[in-house]
Amino acid sequence: MTSSDDRPILLEARAVVVHYGRIKALHGVSLVVHEGELVTLLGSNGAGKTTMMRAISGLRRLTSGS
């Protein structure tokens, strides 16, 4: 992921994939948060918002990605 932003990156998630058994809950989600940014995850029920937060915080193991 490239960015022309000179602010430090505080959080970067790349191509995050998470499964619950055979169900793929996240399909290659990427996210970059720079210093000073405010970020919101929006989506309908079952879209993967909570799964993404669990993956970021280490509460849910990634199938792949970083």
PDB file of N, CA and C in Angstrom:
ATOM      1  N   MET A   1       0.841  -1.164   0.000  1.00  0.00           N
ATOM      2  CA  MET A   1       0.000   0.000   0.000  1.00  0.00           C
ATOM      3  C   MET A   1       0.893   1.235   0.000  1.00  0.00           C
ATOM      4  N   THR A   2       0.637   2.169  -0.871  1.00  0.00           N
ATOM      5  CA  THR A   2       1.445   3.380  -0.929  1.00  0.00           C
ATOM      6  C   THR A   2       0.629   4.565  -0.451  1.00  0.00           C
ATOM      7  N   SER A   3       1.336   5.532   0.095  1.00  0.00           N
ATOM      8  CA  SER A   3       0.682   6.723   0.613  1.00  0.00           C
ATOM      9  C   SER A   3       1.637   7.888   0.521  1.00  0.00           C
ATOM     10  N   SER A   4       1.121   9.058   0.157  1.00  0.00           N
ATOM     11  CA  SER A   4       1.952  10.256   0.119  1.00  0.00           C
ATOM     12  C   SER A   4       1.893  10.996   1.450  1.00  0.00           C
ATOM     13  N   ASP A   5       1.195  10.440   2.424  1.00  0.00           N
ATOM     14  CA  ASP A   5       1.041  11.055   3.738  1.00  0.00           C
ATOM     15  C   ASP A   5       2.337  10.889   4.528  1.00  0.00           C
ATOM     16  N   ASP A   6       2.881  11.999   5.052  1.00  0.00           N
ATOM     17  CA  ASP A   6       4.132  11.961   5.810  1.00  0.00           C
ATOM     18  C   ASP A   6       3.929  11.667   7.296  1.00  0.00           C
ATOM     19  N   ARG A   7       2.678  11.639   7.749  1.00  0.00           N
ATOM     20  CA  ARG A   7       2.424  11.355   9.164  1.00  0.00           C
ATOM     21  C   ARG A   7       2.737   9.894   9.466  1.00  0.00           C
ATOM     22  N   PRO A   8       3.171   9.622  10.696  1.00  0.00           N
ATOM     23  CA  PRO A   8       3.478   8.229  11.066  1.00  0.00           C
ATOM     24  C   PRO A   8       2.241   7.336  10.970  1.00  0.00           C
ATOM     25  N   ILE A   9       2.467   6.102  10.561  1.00  0.00           N
ATOM     26  CA  ILE A   9       1.396   5.109  10.531  1.00  0.00           C
ATOM     27  C   ILE A   9       1.288   4.497  11.925  1.00  0.00           C
ATOM     28  N   LEU A  10       0.096   4.590  12.513  1.00  0.00           N
ATOM     29  CA  LEU A  10      -0.140   4.029  13.843  1.00  0.00           C
ATOM     30  C   LEU A  10      -0.688   2.609  13.773  1.00  0.00           C
ATOM     31  N   LEU A  11      -1.405   2.306  12.698  1.00  0.00           N
ATOM     32  CA  LEU A  11      -1.996   0.981  12.539  1.00  0.00           C
ATOM     33  C   LEU A  11      -2.032   0.644  11.061  1.00  0.00           C
ATOM     34  N   GLU A  12      -1.561  -0.549  10.728  1.00  0.00           N
ATOM     35  CA  GLU A  12      -1.647  -1.018   9.347  1.00  0.00           C
ATOM     36  C   GLU A  12      -2.037  -2.488   9.354  1.00  0.00           C
ATOM     37  N   ALA A  13      -3.088  -2.789   8.647  1.00  0.00           N
ATOM     38  CA  ALA A  13      -3.537  -4.170   8.465  1.00  0.00           C
ATOM     39  C   ALA A  13      -3.547  -4.433   6.965  1.00  0.00           C
ATOM     40  N   ARG A  14      -2.945  -5.551   6.566  1.00  0.00           N
ATOM     41  CA  ARG A  14      -2.839  -5.841   5.131  1.00  0.00           C
ATOM     42  C   ARG A  14      -3.454  -7.192   4.795  1.00  0.00           C
ATOM     43  N   ALA A  15      -4.395  -7.160   3.874  1.00  0.00           N
ATOM     44  CA  ALA A  15      -5.002  -8.378   3.314  1.00  0.00           C
ATOM     45  C   ALA A  15      -5.444  -9.360   4.401  1.00  0.00           C
ATOM     46  N   VAL A  16      -6.137  -8.853   5.400  1.00  0.00           N
ATOM     47  CA  VAL A  16      -6.573  -9.675   6.536  1.00  0.00           C
ATOM     48  C   VAL A  16      -7.699 -10.622   6.103  1.00  0.00           C
ATOM     49  N   VAL A  17      -7.476 -11.895   6.349  1.00  0.00           N
ATOM     50  CA  VAL A  17      -8.483 -12.931   6.093  1.00  0.00           C
ATOM     51  C   VAL A  17      -8.703 -13.671   7.405  1.00  0.00           C
ATOM     52  N   VAL A  18      -9.970 -13.822   7.787  1.00  0.00           N
ATOM     53  CA  VAL A  18     -10.329 -14.537   9.015  1.00  0.00           C
ATOM     54  C   VAL A  18     -11.458 -15.506   8.692  1.00  0.00           C
ATOM     55  N   HIS A  19     -11.318 -16.718   9.173  1.00  0.00           N
ATOM     56  CA  HIS A  19     -12.353 -17.741   9.025  1.00  0.00           C
ATOM     57  C   HIS A  19     -12.931 -18.096  10.387  1.00  0.00           C
ATOM     58  N   TYR A  20     -14.199 -18.428  10.400  1.00  0.00           N
ATOM     59  CA  TYR A  20     -14.853 -19.087  11.529  1.00  0.00           C
ATOM     60  C   TYR A  20     -15.238 -20.463  11.000  1.00  0.00           C
ATOM     61  N   GLY A  21     -14.399 -21.443  11.265  1.00  0.00           N
ATOM     62  CA  GLY A  21     -14.610 -22.759  10.659  1.00  0.00           C
ATOM     63  C   GLY A  21     -14.428 -22.646   9.154  1.00  0.00           C
ATOM     64  N   ARG A  22     -15.447 -23.052   8.400  1.00  0.00           N
ATOM     65  CA  ARG A  22     -15.395 -22.961   6.938  1.00  0.00           C
ATOM     66  C   ARG A  22     -15.876 -21.614   6.407  1.00  0.00           C
ATOM     67  N   ILE A  23     -16.435 -20.791   7.269  1.00  0.00           N
ATOM     68  CA  ILE A  23     -16.996 -19.502   6.862  1.00  0.00           C
ATOM     69  C   ILE A  23     -15.903 -18.444   6.834  1.00  0.00           C
ATOM     70  N   LYS A  24     -15.725 -17.799   5.694  1.00  0.00           N
ATOM     71  CA  LYS A  24     -14.754 -16.711   5.582  1.00  0.00           C
ATOM     72  C   LYS A  24     -15.450 -15.422   6.018  1.00  0.00           C
ATOM     73  N   ALA A  25     -15.036 -14.884   7.163  1.00  0.00           N
ATOM     74  CA  ALA A  25     -15.668 -13.690   7.725  1.00  0.00           C
ATOM     75  C   ALA A  25     -15.060 -12.407   7.175  1.00  0.00           C
ATOM     76  N   LEU A  26     -13.762 -12.404   6.939  1.00  0.00           N
ATOM     77  CA  LEU A  26     -13.082 -11.251   6.341  1.00  0.00           C
ATOM     78  C   LEU A  26     -12.346 -11.725   5.099  1.00  0.00           C
ATOM     79  N   HIS A  27     -12.464 -10.964   4.036  1.00  0.00           N
ATOM     80  CA  HIS A  27     -11.932 -11.354   2.727  1.00  0.00           C
ATOM     81  C   HIS A  27     -10.858 -10.376   2.271  1.00  0.00           C
ATOM     82  N   GLY A  28      -9.684 -10.403   2.854  1.00  0.00           N
ATOM     83  CA  GLY A  28      -8.586  -9.559   2.377  1.00  0.00           C
ATOM     84  C   GLY A  28      -8.745  -8.081   2.686  1.00  0.00           C
ATOM     85  N   VAL A  29      -9.145  -7.755   3.882  1.00  0.00           N
ATOM     86  CA  VAL A  29      -9.364  -6.366   4.291  1.00  0.00           C
ATOM     87  C   VAL A  29      -8.032  -5.694   4.608  1.00  0.00           C
ATOM     88  N   SER A  30      -7.846  -4.481   4.078  1.00  0.00           N
ATOM     89  CA  SER A  30      -6.650  -3.689   4.371  1.00  0.00           C
ATOM     90  C   SER A  30      -7.072  -2.346   4.952  1.00  0.00           C
ATOM     91  N   LEU A  31      -6.228  -1.823   5.841  1.00  0.00           N
ATOM     92  CA  LEU A  31      -6.548  -0.586   6.549  1.00  0.00           C
ATOM     93  C   LEU A  31      -5.254   0.080   6.981  1.00  0.00           C
ATOM     94  N   VAL A  32      -5.151   1.393   6.769  1.00  0.00           N
ATOM     95  CA  VAL A  32      -4.008   2.169   7.253  1.00  0.00           C
ATOM     96  C   VAL A  32      -4.556   3.361   8.022  1.00  0.00           C
ATOM     97  N   VAL A  33      -4.060   3.557   9.239  1.00  0.00           N
ATOM     98  CA  VAL A  33      -4.464   4.690  10.065  1.00  0.00           C
ATOM     99  C   VAL A  33      -3.217   5.491  10.410  1.00  0.00           C
ATOM    100  N   HIS A  34      -3.219   6.763  10.021  1.00  0.00           N
ATOM    101  CA  HIS A  34      -2.100   7.655  10.314  1.00  0.00           C
ATOM    102  C   HIS A  34      -2.367   8.438  11.599  1.00  0.00           C
ATOM    103  N   GLU A  35      -1.308   8.939  12.177  1.00  0.00           N
ATOM    104  CA  GLU A  35      -1.415   9.774  13.375  1.00  0.00           C
ATOM    105  C   GLU A  35      -2.380  10.927  13.103  1.00  0.00           C
ATOM    106  N   GLY A  36      -3.289  11.156  14.041  1.00  0.00           N
ATOM    107  CA  GLY A  36      -4.240  12.256  13.938  1.00  0.00           C
ATOM    108  C   GLY A  36      -5.529  11.908  13.213  1.00  0.00           C
ATOM    109  N   GLU A  37      -5.621  10.727  12.645  1.00  0.00           N
ATOM    110  CA  GLU A  37      -6.836  10.332  11.932  1.00  0.00           C
ATOM    111  C   GLU A  37      -7.846   9.720  12.888  1.00  0.00           C
ATOM    112  N   LEU A  38      -9.086   9.898  12.552  1.00  0.00           N
ATOM    113  CA  LEU A  38     -10.199   9.290  13.268  1.00  0.00           C
ATOM    114  C   LEU A  38     -10.859   8.324  12.293  1.00  0.00           C
ATOM    115  N   VAL A  39     -11.021   7.070  12.690  1.00  0.00           N
ATOM    116  CA  VAL A  39     -11.516   6.038  11.780  1.00  0.00           C
ATOM    117  C   VAL A  39     -12.752   5.379  12.364  1.00  0.00           C
ATOM    118  N   THR A  40     -13.710   5.098  11.493  1.00  0.00           N
ATOM    119  CA  THR A  40     -14.922   4.392  11.885  1.00  0.00           C
ATOM    120  C   THR A  40     -15.122   3.209  10.953  1.00  0.00           C
ATOM    121  N   LEU A  41     -15.468   2.066  11.503  1.00  0.00           N
ATOM    122  CA  LEU A  41     -15.845   0.915  10.688  1.00  0.00           C
ATOM    123  C   LEU A  41     -17.364   0.896  10.584  1.00  0.00           C
ATOM    124  N   LEU A  42     -17.860   0.989   9.372  1.00  0.00           N
ATOM    125  CA  LEU A  42     -19.301   0.986   9.134  1.00  0.00           C
ATOM    126  C   LEU A  42     -19.681  -0.236   8.322  1.00  0.00           C
ATOM    127  N   GLY A  43     -20.847  -0.769   8.601  1.00  0.00           N
ATOM    128  CA  GLY A  43     -21.337  -1.898   7.818  1.00  0.00           C
ATOM    129  C   GLY A  43     -22.582  -2.477   8.451  1.00  0.00           C
ATOM    130  N   SER A  44     -23.271  -3.256   7.668  1.00  0.00           N
ATOM    131  CA  SER A  44     -24.496  -3.883   8.161  1.00  0.00           C
ATOM    132  C   SER A  44     -24.163  -5.023   9.122  1.00  0.00           C
ATOM    133  N   ASN A  45     -25.194  -5.579   9.731  1.00  0.00           N
ATOM    134  CA  ASN A  45     -25.004  -6.734  10.614  1.00  0.00           C
ATOM    135  C   ASN A  45     -24.324  -7.851   9.842  1.00  0.00           C
ATOM    136  N   GLY A  46     -23.314  -8.454  10.454  1.00  0.00           N
ATOM    137  CA  GLY A  46     -22.619  -9.562   9.819  1.00  0.00           C
ATOM    138  C   GLY A  46     -21.577  -9.162   8.795  1.00  0.00           C
ATOM    139  N   ALA A  47     -21.272  -7.868   8.698  1.00  0.00           N
ATOM    140  CA  ALA A  47     -20.310  -7.393   7.690  1.00  0.00           C
ATOM    141  C   ALA A  47     -18.857  -7.637   8.088  1.00  0.00           C
ATOM    142  N   GLY A  48     -18.599  -7.888   9.374  1.00  0.00           N
ATOM    143  CA  GLY A  48     -17.237  -8.181   9.813  1.00  0.00           C
ATOM    144  C   GLY A  48     -16.582  -7.110  10.667  1.00  0.00           C
ATOM    145  N   LYS A  49     -17.349  -6.142  11.135  1.00  0.00           N
ATOM    146  CA  LYS A  49     -16.783  -5.056  11.949  1.00  0.00           C
ATOM    147  C   LYS A  49     -16.155  -5.590  13.236  1.00  0.00           C
ATOM    148  N   THR A  50     -16.892  -6.382  13.969  1.00  0.00           N
ATOM    149  CA  THR A  50     -16.383  -6.934  15.226  1.00  0.00           C
ATOM    150  C   THR A  50     -15.233  -7.892  14.965  1.00  0.00           C
ATOM    151  N   THR A  51     -15.331  -8.690  13.929  1.00  0.00           N
ATOM    152  CA  THR A  51     -14.246  -9.613  13.584  1.00  0.00           C
ATOM    153  C   THR A  51     -12.977  -8.841  13.266  1.00  0.00           C
ATOM    154  N   MET A  52     -13.089  -7.728  12.544  1.00  0.00           N
ATOM    155  CA  MET A  52     -11.912  -6.912  12.227  1.00  0.00           C
ATOM    156  C   MET A  52     -11.297  -6.352  13.503  1.00  0.00           C
ATOM    157  N   MET A  53     -12.110  -5.855  14.416  1.00  0.00           N
ATOM    158  CA  MET A  53     -11.585  -5.317  15.674  1.00  0.00           C
ATOM    159  C   MET A  53     -10.932  -6.421  16.505  1.00  0.00           C
ATOM    160  N   ARG A  54     -11.509  -7.602  16.513  1.00  0.00           N
ATOM    161  CA  ARG A  54     -10.902  -8.732  17.232  1.00  0.00           C
ATOM    162  C   ARG A  54      -9.581  -9.139  16.591  1.00  0.00           C
ATOM    163  N   ALA A  55      -9.518  -9.108  15.278  1.00  0.00           N
ATOM    164  CA  ALA A  55      -8.270  -9.441  14.577  1.00  0.00           C
ATOM    165  C   ALA A  55      -7.191  -8.408  14.878  1.00  0.00           C
ATOM    166  N   ILE A  56      -7.545  -7.127  14.846  1.00  0.00           N
ATOM    167  CA  ILE A  56      -6.587  -6.051  15.129  1.00  0.00           C
ATOM    168  C   ILE A  56      -6.054  -6.170  16.553  1.00  0.00           C
ATOM    169  N   SER A  57      -6.930  -6.482  17.493  1.00  0.00           N
ATOM    170  CA  SER A  57      -6.528  -6.538  18.904  1.00  0.00           C
ATOM    171  C   SER A  57      -5.881  -7.866  19.293  1.00  0.00           C
ATOM    172  N   GLY A  58      -5.841  -8.819  18.371  1.00  0.00           N
ATOM    173  CA  GLY A  58      -5.213 -10.101  18.656  1.00  0.00           C
ATOM    174  C   GLY A  58      -6.128 -11.117  19.311  1.00  0.00           C
ATOM    175  N   LEU A  59      -7.405 -10.809  19.409  1.00  0.00           N
ATOM    176  CA  LEU A  59      -8.353 -11.741  20.021  1.00  0.00           C
ATOM    177  C   LEU A  59      -8.830 -12.808  19.047  1.00  0.00           C
ATOM    178  N   ARG A  60      -8.612 -12.574  17.767  1.00  0.00           N
ATOM    179  CA  ARG A  60      -9.005 -13.545  16.735  1.00  0.00           C
ATOM    180  C   ARG A  60      -7.808 -13.820  15.835  1.00  0.00           C
ATOM    181  N   ARG A  61      -7.472 -15.071  15.661  1.00  0.00           N
ATOM    182  CA  ARG A  61      -6.327 -15.466  14.829  1.00  0.00           C
ATOM    183  C   ARG A  61      -6.641 -15.223  13.349  1.00  0.00           C
ATOM    184  N   LEU A  62      -5.656 -14.671  12.638  1.00  0.00           N
ATOM    185  CA  LEU A  62      -5.795 -14.447  11.201  1.00  0.00           C
ATOM    186  C   LEU A  62      -5.572 -15.751  10.452  1.00  0.00           C
ATOM    187  N   THR A  63      -6.353 -15.963   9.405  1.00  0.00           N
ATOM    188  CA  THR A  63      -6.092 -17.071   8.497  1.00  0.00           C
ATOM    189  C   THR A  63      -4.898 -16.706   7.621  1.00  0.00           C
ATOM    190  N   SER A  64      -4.877 -15.450   7.161  1.00  0.00           N
ATOM    191  CA  SER A  64      -3.732 -14.913   6.425  1.00  0.00           C
ATOM    192  C   SER A  64      -3.769 -13.399   6.522  1.00  0.00           C
ATOM    193  N   GLY A  65      -2.679 -12.774   6.083  1.00  0.00           N
ATOM    194  CA  GLY A  65      -2.550 -11.326   6.170  1.00  0.00           C
ATOM    195  C   GLY A  65      -1.693 -10.931   7.349  1.00  0.00           C
ATOM    196  N   SER A  66      -1.578  -9.632   7.529  1.00  0.00           N
ATOM    197  CA  SER A  66      -0.775  -9.121   8.644  1.00  0.00           C
ATOM    198  C   SER A  66      -1.357  -7.815   9.154  1.00  0.00           C
TER     199      SER A  66
END
